[in-house]
Amino acid sequence: MTLPYARIMTDSSALDPEDRKIVTLARAARARNGVPEGAAVRDETGRTYVAGTVALDSLKLSALRTAVAMAVASGARSLEAAAVVTEAQTASAEDRAAVRDLGGAETPVLVAGFDGVVRLTVRAG
């Protein structure tokens, strides 16, 4: 499925080093915590926030929404980029909405597989 706001990645080595870093952090969070997804976001000052899927009886959040919530709770005012490591083909509408709320419609969301290879970059909007 090709989305009108998506760019298919064919060469992950072409990633900016800072984008590669958040993909690596997202991948590590997923592996370390044994959760379905890992995510990381970078705020306007370059700080990163890393999270895994939250699956409690009373609270269920995707990794990306958790990372955005952590950024907001820590005082971030905007986002430069987001990354999610997932088996899904793209970031969900809910995940993109959370990134858009803090980062704006043009914020890139890097979607990577479990191997850390970025398959797709979508805009939050």
N, C-alpha and C. Protein backbone atom coordinates (compact mmCIF):
# COMPACT_ATOMS: atom_id res chain seq x y z
N MET A 1 0.85 -1.17 0.00
CA MET A 1 0.00 0.00 0.00
C MET A 1 0.89 1.23 0.00
N THR A 2 0.71 2.12 -0.96
CA THR A 2 1.46 3.36 -1.02
C THR A 2 0.54 4.49 -0.57
N LEU A 3 0.99 5.25 0.38
CA LEU A 3 0.21 6.35 0.92
C LEU A 3 0.64 7.64 0.26
N PRO A 4 -0.27 8.59 0.02
CA PRO A 4 0.09 9.81 -0.68
C PRO A 4 1.10 10.67 0.06
N TYR A 5 1.27 10.47 1.34
CA TYR A 5 2.17 11.27 2.14
C TYR A 5 3.42 10.49 2.53
N ALA A 6 3.68 9.38 1.84
CA ALA A 6 4.76 8.49 2.22
C ALA A 6 5.87 8.48 1.19
N ARG A 7 7.07 8.18 1.69
CA ARG A 7 8.22 7.99 0.82
C ARG A 7 8.80 6.62 1.13
N ILE A 8 8.82 5.76 0.14
CA ILE A 8 9.38 4.43 0.30
C ILE A 8 10.90 4.57 0.39
N MET A 9 11.50 3.92 1.36
CA MET A 9 12.95 3.97 1.53
C MET A 9 13.56 2.79 0.79
N THR A 10 14.61 3.05 0.04
CA THR A 10 15.32 1.97 -0.63
C THR A 10 16.75 1.86 -0.11
N ASP A 11 17.23 2.88 0.62
CA ASP A 11 18.60 2.86 1.10
C ASP A 11 18.66 3.50 2.48
N SER A 12 18.61 2.66 3.53
CA SER A 12 18.64 3.19 4.90
C SER A 12 19.95 3.87 5.23
N SER A 13 21.02 3.55 4.49
CA SER A 13 22.31 4.18 4.77
C SER A 13 22.29 5.67 4.43
N ALA A 14 21.29 6.11 3.68
CA ALA A 14 21.17 7.52 3.32
C ALA A 14 20.55 8.35 4.44
N LEU A 15 20.18 7.71 5.54
CA LEU A 15 19.57 8.44 6.66
C LEU A 15 20.56 9.40 7.30
N ASP A 16 20.03 10.53 7.74
CA ASP A 16 20.78 11.47 8.55
C ASP A 16 21.23 10.73 9.82
N PRO A 17 22.43 11.00 10.32
CA PRO A 17 22.90 10.30 11.53
C PRO A 17 21.97 10.46 12.73
N GLU A 18 21.35 11.61 12.87
CA GLU A 18 20.42 11.80 14.00
C GLU A 18 19.16 10.96 13.83
N ASP A 19 18.71 10.78 12.60
CA ASP A 19 17.56 9.91 12.34
C ASP A 19 17.94 8.45 12.56
N ARG A 20 19.12 8.07 12.14
CA ARG A 20 19.60 6.71 12.36
C ARG A 20 19.65 6.43 13.87
N LYS A 21 20.05 7.43 14.65
CA LYS A 21 20.14 7.27 16.10
C LYS A 21 18.78 6.95 16.71
N ILE A 22 17.72 7.66 16.30
CA ILE A 22 16.42 7.39 16.92
C ILE A 22 15.87 6.04 16.49
N VAL A 23 16.20 5.60 15.27
CA VAL A 23 15.80 4.25 14.84
C VAL A 23 16.52 3.22 15.71
N THR A 24 17.81 3.41 15.95
CA THR A 24 18.58 2.49 16.78
C THR A 24 18.03 2.44 18.20
N LEU A 25 17.70 3.60 18.76
CA LEU A 25 17.14 3.65 20.11
C LEU A 25 15.78 2.96 20.18
N ALA A 26 14.95 3.16 19.16
CA ALA A 26 13.64 2.51 19.12
C ALA A 26 13.79 0.99 19.05
N ARG A 27 14.72 0.55 18.23
CA ARG A 27 14.96 -0.88 18.09
C ARG A 27 15.45 -1.48 19.41
N ALA A 28 16.33 -0.78 20.09
CA ALA A 28 16.86 -1.26 21.37
C ALA A 28 15.76 -1.33 22.43
N ALA A 29 14.87 -0.34 22.46
CA ALA A 29 13.78 -0.33 23.44
C ALA A 29 12.88 -1.55 23.24
N ARG A 30 12.57 -1.84 21.99
CA ARG A 30 11.72 -2.99 21.69
C ARG A 30 12.39 -4.28 22.16
N ALA A 31 13.65 -4.46 21.82
CA ALA A 31 14.36 -5.69 22.16
C ALA A 31 14.57 -5.81 23.67
N ARG A 32 14.98 -4.73 24.30
CA ARG A 32 15.29 -4.75 25.73
C ARG A 32 14.05 -5.09 26.56
N ASN A 33 12.91 -4.55 26.16
CA ASN A 33 11.69 -4.72 26.95
C ASN A 33 10.82 -5.87 26.48
N GLY A 34 11.17 -6.49 25.36
CA GLY A 34 10.40 -7.62 24.86
C GLY A 34 8.97 -7.24 24.50
N VAL A 35 8.81 -6.07 23.89
CA VAL A 35 7.47 -5.58 23.53
C VAL A 35 7.30 -5.57 22.01
N PRO A 36 6.06 -5.48 21.54
CA PRO A 36 5.82 -5.54 20.10
C PRO A 36 6.42 -4.39 19.30
N GLU A 37 6.52 -3.21 19.89
CA GLU A 37 7.06 -2.05 19.19
C GLU A 37 7.99 -1.25 20.08
N GLY A 38 8.92 -0.56 19.46
CA GLY A 38 9.78 0.40 20.13
C GLY A 38 9.70 1.70 19.35
N ALA A 39 9.85 2.82 20.03
CA ALA A 39 9.78 4.12 19.36
C ALA A 39 10.70 5.11 20.03
N ALA A 40 11.06 6.14 19.27
CA ALA A 40 11.85 7.25 19.81
C ALA A 40 11.45 8.50 19.06
N VAL A 41 11.48 9.62 19.78
CA VAL A 41 11.22 10.93 19.17
C VAL A 41 12.34 11.87 19.57
N ARG A 42 12.59 12.85 18.70
CA ARG A 42 13.61 13.88 18.97
C ARG A 42 12.91 15.22 19.03
N ASP A 43 13.15 15.97 20.12
CA ASP A 43 12.48 17.26 20.27
C ASP A 43 13.29 18.39 19.64
N GLU A 44 12.79 19.60 19.80
CA GLU A 44 13.38 20.78 19.17
C GLU A 44 14.78 21.11 19.69
N THR A 45 15.15 20.56 20.84
CA THR A 45 16.50 20.82 21.38
C THR A 45 17.45 19.66 21.11
N GLY A 46 16.95 18.61 20.45
CA GLY A 46 17.79 17.45 20.16
C GLY A 46 17.69 16.35 21.20
N ARG A 47 16.92 16.56 22.26
CA ARG A 47 16.74 15.51 23.26
C ARG A 47 15.89 14.39 22.67
N THR A 48 16.17 13.16 23.10
CA THR A 48 15.39 12.03 22.62
C THR A 48 14.62 11.39 23.76
N TYR A 49 13.48 10.82 23.39
CA TYR A 49 12.60 10.13 24.33
C TYR A 49 12.31 8.78 23.71
N VAL A 50 12.53 7.72 24.47
CA VAL A 50 12.45 6.36 23.96
C VAL A 50 11.41 5.59 24.77
N ALA A 51 10.62 4.77 24.07
CA ALA A 51 9.57 4.02 24.77
C ALA A 51 9.26 2.73 24.03
N GLY A 52 8.62 1.84 24.76
CA GLY A 52 8.09 0.61 24.19
C GLY A 52 6.58 0.60 24.35
N THR A 53 5.96 -0.38 23.78
CA THR A 53 4.52 -0.56 23.91
C THR A 53 4.14 -0.69 25.38
N VAL A 54 3.04 -0.04 25.77
CA VAL A 54 2.49 -0.16 27.13
C VAL A 54 1.23 -1.01 27.02
N ALA A 55 1.20 -2.13 27.74
CA ALA A 55 0.04 -3.02 27.68
C ALA A 55 -0.35 -3.46 29.08
N LEU A 56 -0.95 -2.53 29.83
CA LEU A 56 -1.47 -2.83 31.15
C LEU A 56 -2.97 -3.11 31.03
N ASP A 57 -3.54 -3.71 32.05
CA ASP A 57 -4.99 -3.93 32.02
C ASP A 57 -5.74 -2.61 31.89
N SER A 58 -5.23 -1.57 32.56
CA SER A 58 -5.93 -0.29 32.60
C SER A 58 -5.41 0.74 31.60
N LEU A 59 -4.31 0.45 30.92
CA LEU A 59 -3.71 1.43 30.01
C LEU A 59 -3.02 0.71 28.86
N LYS A 60 -3.41 1.07 27.66
CA LYS A 60 -2.78 0.51 26.46
C LYS A 60 -2.36 1.66 25.56
N LEU A 61 -1.05 1.73 25.28
CA LEU A 61 -0.50 2.78 24.42
C LEU A 61 0.52 2.17 23.47
N SER A 62 0.51 2.63 22.25
CA SER A 62 1.56 2.21 21.33
C SER A 62 2.88 2.81 21.79
N ALA A 63 3.96 2.28 21.28
CA ALA A 63 5.27 2.79 21.63
C ALA A 63 5.43 4.24 21.21
N LEU A 64 4.94 4.59 20.03
CA LEU A 64 5.12 5.96 19.55
C LEU A 64 4.31 6.95 20.36
N ARG A 65 3.07 6.61 20.70
CA ARG A 65 2.27 7.51 21.55
C ARG A 65 2.89 7.65 22.93
N THR A 66 3.50 6.57 23.44
CA THR A 66 4.17 6.64 24.73
C THR A 66 5.38 7.57 24.66
N ALA A 67 6.16 7.48 23.59
CA ALA A 67 7.33 8.36 23.43
C ALA A 67 6.90 9.82 23.31
N VAL A 68 5.83 10.09 22.59
CA VAL A 68 5.32 11.46 22.49
C VAL A 68 4.86 11.94 23.86
N ALA A 69 4.16 11.10 24.59
CA ALA A 69 3.70 11.49 25.94
C ALA A 69 4.88 11.79 26.86
N MET A 70 5.94 11.00 26.76
CA MET A 70 7.13 11.25 27.57
C MET A 70 7.76 12.59 27.21
N ALA A 71 7.80 12.91 25.93
CA ALA A 71 8.35 14.20 25.50
C ALA A 71 7.53 15.35 26.05
N VAL A 72 6.21 15.25 25.94
CA VAL A 72 5.33 16.30 26.45
C VAL A 72 5.51 16.45 27.97
N ALA A 73 5.52 15.32 28.67
CA ALA A 73 5.66 15.36 30.13
C ALA A 73 7.00 15.93 30.57
N SER A 74 7.99 15.88 29.69
CA SER A 74 9.32 16.41 30.00
C SER A 74 9.50 17.86 29.54
N GLY A 75 8.47 18.44 28.96
CA GLY A 75 8.53 19.85 28.59
C GLY A 75 8.86 20.14 27.14
N ALA A 76 8.91 19.13 26.28
CA ALA A 76 9.18 19.39 24.86
C ALA A 76 8.08 20.26 24.27
N ARG A 77 8.47 21.18 23.42
CA ARG A 77 7.50 22.08 22.79
C ARG A 77 7.20 21.69 21.35
N SER A 78 8.09 20.92 20.73
CA SER A 78 7.85 20.42 19.37
C SER A 78 8.75 19.22 19.11
N LEU A 79 8.50 18.56 18.00
CA LEU A 79 9.30 17.41 17.61
C LEU A 79 9.94 17.66 16.26
N GLU A 80 11.17 17.17 16.11
CA GLU A 80 11.87 17.23 14.83
C GLU A 80 11.63 15.97 14.02
N ALA A 81 11.55 14.82 14.70
CA ALA A 81 11.40 13.55 14.00
C ALA A 81 10.95 12.48 14.98
N ALA A 82 10.39 11.40 14.41
CA ALA A 82 9.95 10.26 15.20
C ALA A 82 10.32 8.99 14.44
N ALA A 83 10.50 7.91 15.20
CA ALA A 83 10.79 6.61 14.59
C ALA A 83 10.03 5.53 15.35
N VAL A 84 9.57 4.54 14.62
CA VAL A 84 8.91 3.39 15.24
C VAL A 84 9.43 2.13 14.58
N VAL A 85 9.75 1.14 15.42
CA VAL A 85 10.17 -0.18 14.95
C VAL A 85 8.97 -1.09 15.18
N THR A 86 8.47 -1.64 14.08
CA THR A 86 7.20 -2.37 14.14
C THR A 86 7.12 -3.38 13.01
N GLU A 87 6.21 -4.33 13.16
CA GLU A 87 5.94 -5.24 12.05
C GLU A 87 4.89 -4.65 11.11
N ALA A 88 4.20 -3.60 11.53
CA ALA A 88 3.18 -2.95 10.69
C ALA A 88 3.84 -2.31 9.47
N GLN A 89 3.09 -2.15 8.42
CA GLN A 89 3.62 -1.56 7.19
C GLN A 89 3.80 -0.06 7.29
N THR A 90 3.04 0.60 8.17
CA THR A 90 3.15 2.05 8.34
C THR A 90 2.78 2.42 9.77
N ALA A 91 2.97 3.66 10.12
CA ALA A 91 2.54 4.16 11.44
C ALA A 91 1.03 4.35 11.40
N SER A 92 0.38 3.99 12.49
CA SER A 92 -1.08 4.11 12.55
C SER A 92 -1.51 5.57 12.50
N ALA A 93 -2.76 5.78 12.15
CA ALA A 93 -3.32 7.14 12.13
C ALA A 93 -3.24 7.77 13.51
N GLU A 94 -3.46 6.98 14.55
CA GLU A 94 -3.40 7.51 15.92
C GLU A 94 -1.97 7.93 16.28
N ASP A 95 -1.00 7.13 15.87
CA ASP A 95 0.40 7.47 16.13
C ASP A 95 0.79 8.74 15.39
N ARG A 96 0.41 8.83 14.12
CA ARG A 96 0.73 10.04 13.34
C ARG A 96 0.05 11.26 13.94
N ALA A 97 -1.17 11.09 14.46
CA ALA A 97 -1.88 12.22 15.08
C ALA A 97 -1.14 12.72 16.32
N ALA A 98 -0.62 11.80 17.13
CA ALA A 98 0.12 12.21 18.33
C ALA A 98 1.37 12.99 17.94
N VAL A 99 2.10 12.52 16.93
CA VAL A 99 3.29 13.23 16.46
C VAL A 99 2.89 14.58 15.89
N ARG A 100 1.83 14.63 15.12
CA ARG A 100 1.35 15.88 14.53
C ARG A 100 0.97 16.89 15.60
N ASP A 101 0.32 16.44 16.67
CA ASP A 101 -0.11 17.35 17.74
C ASP A 101 1.06 18.11 18.35
N LEU A 102 2.20 17.45 18.46
CA LEU A 102 3.36 18.10 19.07
C LEU A 102 4.33 18.64 18.02
N GLY A 103 4.47 17.95 16.91
CA GLY A 103 5.50 18.31 15.94
C GLY A 103 5.01 19.04 14.71
N GLY A 104 3.74 18.91 14.40
CA GLY A 104 3.22 19.50 13.18
C GLY A 104 3.08 18.48 12.08
N ALA A 105 2.35 18.85 11.04
CA ALA A 105 2.01 17.93 9.96
C ALA A 105 3.21 17.45 9.16
N GLU A 106 4.27 18.23 9.10
CA GLU A 106 5.43 17.86 8.28
C GLU A 106 6.47 17.02 9.01
N THR A 107 6.26 16.74 10.28
CA THR A 107 7.23 15.96 11.05
C THR A 107 7.37 14.56 10.45
N PRO A 108 8.58 14.15 10.12
CA PRO A 108 8.77 12.82 9.55
C PRO A 108 8.66 11.72 10.61
N VAL A 109 8.00 10.64 10.22
CA VAL A 109 7.91 9.44 11.05
C VAL A 109 8.57 8.32 10.27
N LEU A 110 9.69 7.84 10.79
CA LEU A 110 10.43 6.75 10.15
C LEU A 110 9.86 5.42 10.63
N VAL A 111 9.48 4.57 9.70
CA VAL A 111 8.92 3.27 10.03
C VAL A 111 9.94 2.20 9.66
N ALA A 112 10.41 1.48 10.68
CA ALA A 112 11.46 0.48 10.46
C ALA A 112 10.98 -0.90 10.88
N GLY A 113 11.59 -1.90 10.28
CA GLY A 113 11.33 -3.28 10.69
C GLY A 113 12.17 -3.65 11.89
N PHE A 114 11.99 -4.86 12.36
CA PHE A 114 12.73 -5.33 13.54
C PHE A 114 14.23 -5.35 13.31
N ASP A 115 14.64 -5.41 12.05
CA ASP A 115 16.06 -5.40 11.72
C ASP A 115 16.66 -3.99 11.71
N GLY A 116 15.81 -2.98 11.94
CA GLY A 116 16.28 -1.60 11.98
C GLY A 116 16.33 -0.93 10.62
N VAL A 117 15.95 -1.64 9.58
CA VAL A 117 15.94 -1.05 8.24
C VAL A 117 14.67 -0.23 8.07
N VAL A 118 14.84 1.04 7.74
CA VAL A 118 13.70 1.94 7.52
C VAL A 118 13.05 1.57 6.19
N ARG A 119 11.76 1.23 6.27
CA ARG A 119 11.01 0.84 5.08
C ARG A 119 10.27 2.01 4.46
N LEU A 120 9.93 2.98 5.29
CA LEU A 120 9.02 4.03 4.86
C LEU A 120 9.21 5.25 5.74
N THR A 121 9.08 6.41 5.16
CA THR A 121 9.01 7.65 5.93
C THR A 121 7.69 8.30 5.59
N VAL A 122 6.88 8.58 6.61
CA VAL A 122 5.61 9.25 6.41
C VAL A 122 5.61 10.57 7.14
N ARG A 123 4.81 11.49 6.67
CA ARG A 123 4.63 12.75 7.39
C ARG A 123 3.52 12.54 8.43
N ALA A 124 3.63 13.24 9.54
CA ALA A 124 2.65 13.11 10.61
C ALA A 124 1.26 13.57 10.16
N GLY A 125 1.23 14.52 9.23
CA GLY A 125 -0.05 15.08 8.78
C GLY A 125 -0.68 14.25 7.76
